[in-house]
């Protein structure tokens, strides 16, 4: 089963050697987002699911570009479509290899 972790400290994500990680620079205790900000929380969940489906190999760590309390999050239009943030990050990793 493919797994994706969500980390708030990049060094911890790297040291844990989990198969796939998304990393956010957000306050501790708020890994999915601000309390009550459903669109923000669903965006992060959509990114996690997109990574689970789109990451071709284990060992990947992606930093999500979202800034705490400085973004406007729209509802996820289609849960069957991959997150553009994750698709772009994965494409950039393939070019480097």
N, C-alpha and C. Protein backbone atom coordinates (compact mmCIF):
# COMPACT_ATOMS: atom_id res chain seq x y z
N UNK A 1 0.85 -1.17 0.00
CA UNK A 1 0.00 0.00 0.00
C UNK A 1 0.90 1.24 0.00
N UNK A 2 0.62 2.15 -0.88
CA UNK A 2 1.37 3.40 -0.97
C UNK A 2 1.00 4.31 0.20
N UNK A 3 2.01 4.89 0.82
CA UNK A 3 1.76 5.82 1.92
C UNK A 3 2.42 7.16 1.63
N UNK A 4 1.82 8.21 2.18
CA UNK A 4 2.36 9.57 2.08
C UNK A 4 2.28 10.18 3.46
N UNK A 5 3.40 10.70 3.95
CA UNK A 5 3.43 11.38 5.23
C UNK A 5 3.35 12.88 5.04
N UNK A 6 2.97 13.56 6.10
CA UNK A 6 2.90 15.01 6.10
C UNK A 6 3.78 15.50 7.24
N UNK A 7 4.77 16.32 6.93
CA UNK A 7 5.73 16.76 7.93
C UNK A 7 5.76 18.28 8.02
N UNK A 8 6.06 18.76 9.21
CA UNK A 8 6.22 20.20 9.43
C UNK A 8 7.68 20.59 9.60
N UNK A 9 8.56 19.61 9.70
CA UNK A 9 10.00 19.85 9.81
C UNK A 9 10.69 18.96 8.77
N UNK A 10 11.33 19.57 7.81
CA UNK A 10 11.92 18.81 6.70
C UNK A 10 12.98 17.82 7.18
N UNK A 11 13.79 18.21 8.13
CA UNK A 11 14.84 17.32 8.62
C UNK A 11 14.27 16.06 9.25
N UNK A 12 13.14 16.19 9.92
CA UNK A 12 12.48 15.02 10.51
C UNK A 12 11.96 14.11 9.41
N UNK A 13 11.39 14.70 8.38
CA UNK A 13 10.89 13.91 7.26
C UNK A 13 12.01 13.13 6.60
N UNK A 14 13.15 13.77 6.42
CA UNK A 14 14.29 13.11 5.79
C UNK A 14 14.84 12.01 6.69
N UNK A 15 14.93 12.27 7.98
CA UNK A 15 15.49 11.28 8.91
C UNK A 15 14.59 10.07 9.08
N UNK A 16 13.29 10.25 8.91
CA UNK A 16 12.34 9.16 9.10
C UNK A 16 12.38 8.13 7.97
N UNK A 17 12.92 8.52 6.84
CA UNK A 17 13.02 7.63 5.67
C UNK A 17 11.67 7.03 5.28
N UNK A 18 10.64 7.82 5.40
CA UNK A 18 9.32 7.35 4.95
C UNK A 18 9.30 7.33 3.42
N UNK A 19 8.45 6.52 2.85
CA UNK A 19 8.46 6.39 1.39
C UNK A 19 8.21 7.69 0.64
N UNK A 20 7.25 8.48 1.08
CA UNK A 20 6.91 9.73 0.42
C UNK A 20 6.46 10.73 1.48
N UNK A 21 6.92 11.97 1.35
CA UNK A 21 6.54 13.01 2.30
C UNK A 21 6.18 14.29 1.60
N UNK A 22 5.18 14.96 2.13
CA UNK A 22 4.91 16.35 1.79
C UNK A 22 5.33 17.15 3.02
N UNK A 23 5.93 18.29 2.77
CA UNK A 23 6.48 19.11 3.85
C UNK A 23 5.89 20.51 3.75
N UNK A 24 5.44 21.03 4.88
CA UNK A 24 4.87 22.37 4.98
C UNK A 24 5.57 23.17 6.06
N UNK A 25 5.73 24.44 5.86
CA UNK A 25 6.28 25.31 6.90
C UNK A 25 5.12 25.98 7.63
N UNK A 26 4.43 25.19 8.43
CA UNK A 26 3.29 25.67 9.18
C UNK A 26 3.51 25.42 10.66
N UNK A 27 2.75 26.08 11.53
CA UNK A 27 2.92 25.88 12.97
C UNK A 27 2.60 24.44 13.40
N UNK A 28 3.30 24.00 14.43
CA UNK A 28 3.04 22.67 14.98
C UNK A 28 1.59 22.56 15.42
N UNK A 29 1.02 21.40 15.21
CA UNK A 29 -0.36 21.16 15.58
C UNK A 29 -1.35 21.53 14.49
N UNK A 30 -0.85 22.06 13.37
CA UNK A 30 -1.73 22.49 12.29
C UNK A 30 -1.29 21.92 10.95
N UNK A 31 -0.97 20.64 10.93
CA UNK A 31 -0.42 20.04 9.71
C UNK A 31 -1.38 20.13 8.52
N UNK A 32 -2.67 20.00 8.76
CA UNK A 32 -3.62 20.10 7.65
C UNK A 32 -4.10 21.52 7.40
N UNK A 33 -3.81 22.42 8.31
CA UNK A 33 -4.21 23.81 8.08
C UNK A 33 -4.88 24.44 9.28
N UNK A 34 -5.39 25.63 9.02
CA UNK A 34 -6.03 26.42 10.07
C UNK A 34 -7.35 25.79 10.49
N UNK A 35 -7.68 25.87 11.78
CA UNK A 35 -8.97 25.35 12.25
C UNK A 35 -10.12 26.03 11.50
N UNK A 36 -11.02 25.22 10.99
CA UNK A 36 -12.19 25.76 10.30
C UNK A 36 -11.98 26.13 8.84
N UNK A 37 -10.75 26.08 8.35
CA UNK A 37 -10.49 26.43 6.95
C UNK A 37 -10.57 25.15 6.11
N UNK A 38 -11.78 24.77 5.79
CA UNK A 38 -12.03 23.50 5.11
C UNK A 38 -11.37 23.45 3.74
N UNK A 39 -11.43 24.53 2.98
CA UNK A 39 -10.81 24.55 1.64
C UNK A 39 -9.30 24.32 1.74
N UNK A 40 -8.67 24.92 2.72
CA UNK A 40 -7.23 24.74 2.93
C UNK A 40 -6.92 23.29 3.29
N UNK A 41 -7.67 22.73 4.20
CA UNK A 41 -7.45 21.35 4.64
C UNK A 41 -7.68 20.37 3.50
N UNK A 42 -8.69 20.59 2.71
CA UNK A 42 -8.95 19.71 1.57
C UNK A 42 -7.88 19.83 0.49
N UNK A 43 -7.32 21.01 0.35
CA UNK A 43 -6.23 21.19 -0.62
C UNK A 43 -5.03 20.34 -0.23
N UNK A 44 -4.68 20.34 1.04
CA UNK A 44 -3.55 19.54 1.51
C UNK A 44 -3.86 18.04 1.35
N UNK A 45 -5.06 17.63 1.68
CA UNK A 45 -5.45 16.22 1.49
C UNK A 45 -5.40 15.83 0.01
N UNK A 46 -5.84 16.73 -0.86
CA UNK A 46 -5.79 16.48 -2.30
C UNK A 46 -4.34 16.32 -2.76
N UNK A 47 -3.46 17.16 -2.24
CA UNK A 47 -2.03 17.05 -2.57
C UNK A 47 -1.46 15.71 -2.11
N UNK A 48 -1.85 15.27 -0.92
CA UNK A 48 -1.36 13.98 -0.41
C UNK A 48 -1.83 12.83 -1.28
N UNK A 49 -3.10 12.84 -1.65
CA UNK A 49 -3.62 11.78 -2.50
C UNK A 49 -2.98 11.80 -3.88
N UNK A 50 -2.73 12.99 -4.41
CA UNK A 50 -2.08 13.12 -5.71
C UNK A 50 -0.66 12.57 -5.67
N UNK A 51 0.03 12.80 -4.56
CA UNK A 51 1.38 12.26 -4.44
C UNK A 51 1.35 10.74 -4.34
N UNK A 52 0.37 10.22 -3.61
CA UNK A 52 0.27 8.76 -3.48
C UNK A 52 0.07 8.10 -4.84
N UNK A 53 -0.69 8.73 -5.69
CA UNK A 53 -0.97 8.17 -7.01
C UNK A 53 0.14 8.49 -8.01
N UNK A 54 0.70 9.70 -7.92
CA UNK A 54 1.63 10.16 -8.95
C UNK A 54 3.10 9.90 -8.73
N UNK A 55 3.51 9.66 -7.49
CA UNK A 55 4.94 9.44 -7.21
C UNK A 55 5.33 8.05 -7.72
N UNK A 56 6.26 8.01 -8.64
CA UNK A 56 6.65 6.76 -9.28
C UNK A 56 7.58 5.90 -8.43
N UNK A 57 8.19 6.49 -7.43
CA UNK A 57 9.13 5.73 -6.62
C UNK A 57 9.11 6.26 -5.19
N UNK A 58 9.53 5.45 -4.23
CA UNK A 58 9.61 5.92 -2.84
C UNK A 58 10.82 6.83 -2.65
N UNK A 59 10.86 7.48 -1.50
CA UNK A 59 11.99 8.32 -1.14
C UNK A 59 11.87 9.77 -1.56
N UNK A 60 10.69 10.22 -1.94
CA UNK A 60 10.50 11.58 -2.41
C UNK A 60 9.99 12.49 -1.29
N UNK A 61 10.52 13.69 -1.24
CA UNK A 61 10.06 14.71 -0.30
C UNK A 61 9.76 15.97 -1.12
N UNK A 62 8.54 16.46 -1.00
CA UNK A 62 8.13 17.66 -1.72
C UNK A 62 7.73 18.72 -0.71
N UNK A 63 8.25 19.92 -0.89
CA UNK A 63 7.82 21.05 -0.07
C UNK A 63 6.65 21.72 -0.76
N UNK A 64 5.53 21.78 -0.07
CA UNK A 64 4.37 22.47 -0.62
C UNK A 64 4.57 23.98 -0.50
N UNK A 65 4.13 24.75 -1.48
CA UNK A 65 4.44 26.19 -1.53
C UNK A 65 3.52 27.08 -0.70
N UNK A 66 2.58 26.51 0.02
CA UNK A 66 1.58 27.31 0.71
C UNK A 66 2.18 28.07 1.90
N UNK A 67 1.72 29.30 2.07
CA UNK A 67 2.18 30.13 3.18
C UNK A 67 1.06 30.24 4.21
N UNK A 68 1.41 30.12 5.45
CA UNK A 68 0.44 30.14 6.54
C UNK A 68 -0.33 31.46 6.55
N UNK A 69 -1.63 31.36 6.45
CA UNK A 69 -2.57 32.49 6.52
C UNK A 69 -2.34 33.56 5.45
N UNK A 70 -1.70 33.20 4.35
CA UNK A 70 -1.49 34.19 3.29
C UNK A 70 -1.91 33.65 1.92
N UNK A 71 -2.75 32.65 1.91
CA UNK A 71 -3.21 32.05 0.67
C UNK A 71 -4.74 32.03 0.64
N UNK A 72 -5.27 32.05 -0.55
CA UNK A 72 -6.70 31.86 -0.74
C UNK A 72 -6.88 30.49 -1.37
N UNK A 73 -7.63 29.65 -0.73
CA UNK A 73 -7.83 28.28 -1.19
C UNK A 73 -9.22 28.13 -1.78
N UNK A 74 -9.25 27.62 -2.98
CA UNK A 74 -10.53 27.35 -3.64
C UNK A 74 -10.91 25.89 -3.37
N UNK A 75 -12.18 25.58 -3.46
CA UNK A 75 -12.58 24.18 -3.29
C UNK A 75 -11.90 23.31 -4.35
N UNK A 76 -11.59 22.08 -3.99
CA UNK A 76 -11.01 21.13 -4.94
C UNK A 76 -12.09 20.83 -5.97
N UNK A 77 -11.85 21.16 -7.26
CA UNK A 77 -12.90 20.99 -8.26
C UNK A 77 -13.19 19.53 -8.61
N UNK A 78 -12.15 18.70 -8.63
CA UNK A 78 -12.32 17.31 -9.05
C UNK A 78 -11.28 16.46 -8.34
N UNK A 79 -11.74 15.58 -7.46
CA UNK A 79 -10.82 14.75 -6.69
C UNK A 79 -10.15 13.69 -7.55
N UNK A 80 -10.63 13.47 -8.75
CA UNK A 80 -10.02 12.49 -9.66
C UNK A 80 -8.90 13.09 -10.49
N UNK A 81 -8.72 14.40 -10.43
CA UNK A 81 -7.66 15.10 -11.15
C UNK A 81 -6.50 15.35 -10.19
N UNK A 82 -5.28 15.14 -10.64
CA UNK A 82 -4.11 15.34 -9.79
C UNK A 82 -3.90 16.81 -9.46
N UNK A 83 -3.34 17.06 -8.30
CA UNK A 83 -2.99 18.40 -7.86
C UNK A 83 -1.87 18.95 -8.75
N UNK A 84 -2.06 20.14 -9.29
CA UNK A 84 -1.05 20.75 -10.15
C UNK A 84 0.24 21.05 -9.39
N UNK A 85 0.12 21.36 -8.11
CA UNK A 85 1.31 21.62 -7.28
C UNK A 85 2.18 20.37 -7.22
N UNK A 86 1.57 19.23 -6.98
CA UNK A 86 2.32 17.97 -6.87
C UNK A 86 2.82 17.52 -8.24
N UNK A 87 2.01 17.64 -9.26
CA UNK A 87 2.43 17.26 -10.62
C UNK A 87 3.66 18.06 -11.03
N UNK A 88 3.65 19.35 -10.78
CA UNK A 88 4.79 20.21 -11.13
C UNK A 88 6.04 19.82 -10.34
N UNK A 89 5.87 19.56 -9.06
CA UNK A 89 7.02 19.18 -8.22
C UNK A 89 7.60 17.84 -8.68
N UNK A 90 6.76 16.88 -8.98
CA UNK A 90 7.25 15.58 -9.44
C UNK A 90 7.93 15.69 -10.80
N UNK A 91 7.40 16.53 -11.68
CA UNK A 91 8.02 16.73 -12.99
C UNK A 91 9.40 17.36 -12.83
N UNK A 92 9.55 18.29 -11.91
CA UNK A 92 10.85 18.91 -11.65
C UNK A 92 11.86 17.91 -11.12
N UNK A 93 11.42 16.96 -10.32
CA UNK A 93 12.32 15.93 -9.78
C UNK A 93 12.80 15.00 -10.87
N UNK A 94 11.95 14.67 -11.82
CA UNK A 94 12.32 13.77 -12.91
C UNK A 94 13.37 14.42 -13.81
N UNK A 95 13.26 15.76 -13.99
CA UNK A 95 14.22 16.45 -14.83
C UNK A 95 15.61 16.45 -14.20
N UNK A 96 15.68 16.52 -12.87
CA UNK A 96 16.96 16.58 -12.16
C UNK A 96 17.69 15.25 -12.24
N UNK A 97 16.94 14.14 -12.19
CA UNK A 97 17.56 12.82 -12.14
C UNK A 97 18.29 12.47 -13.40
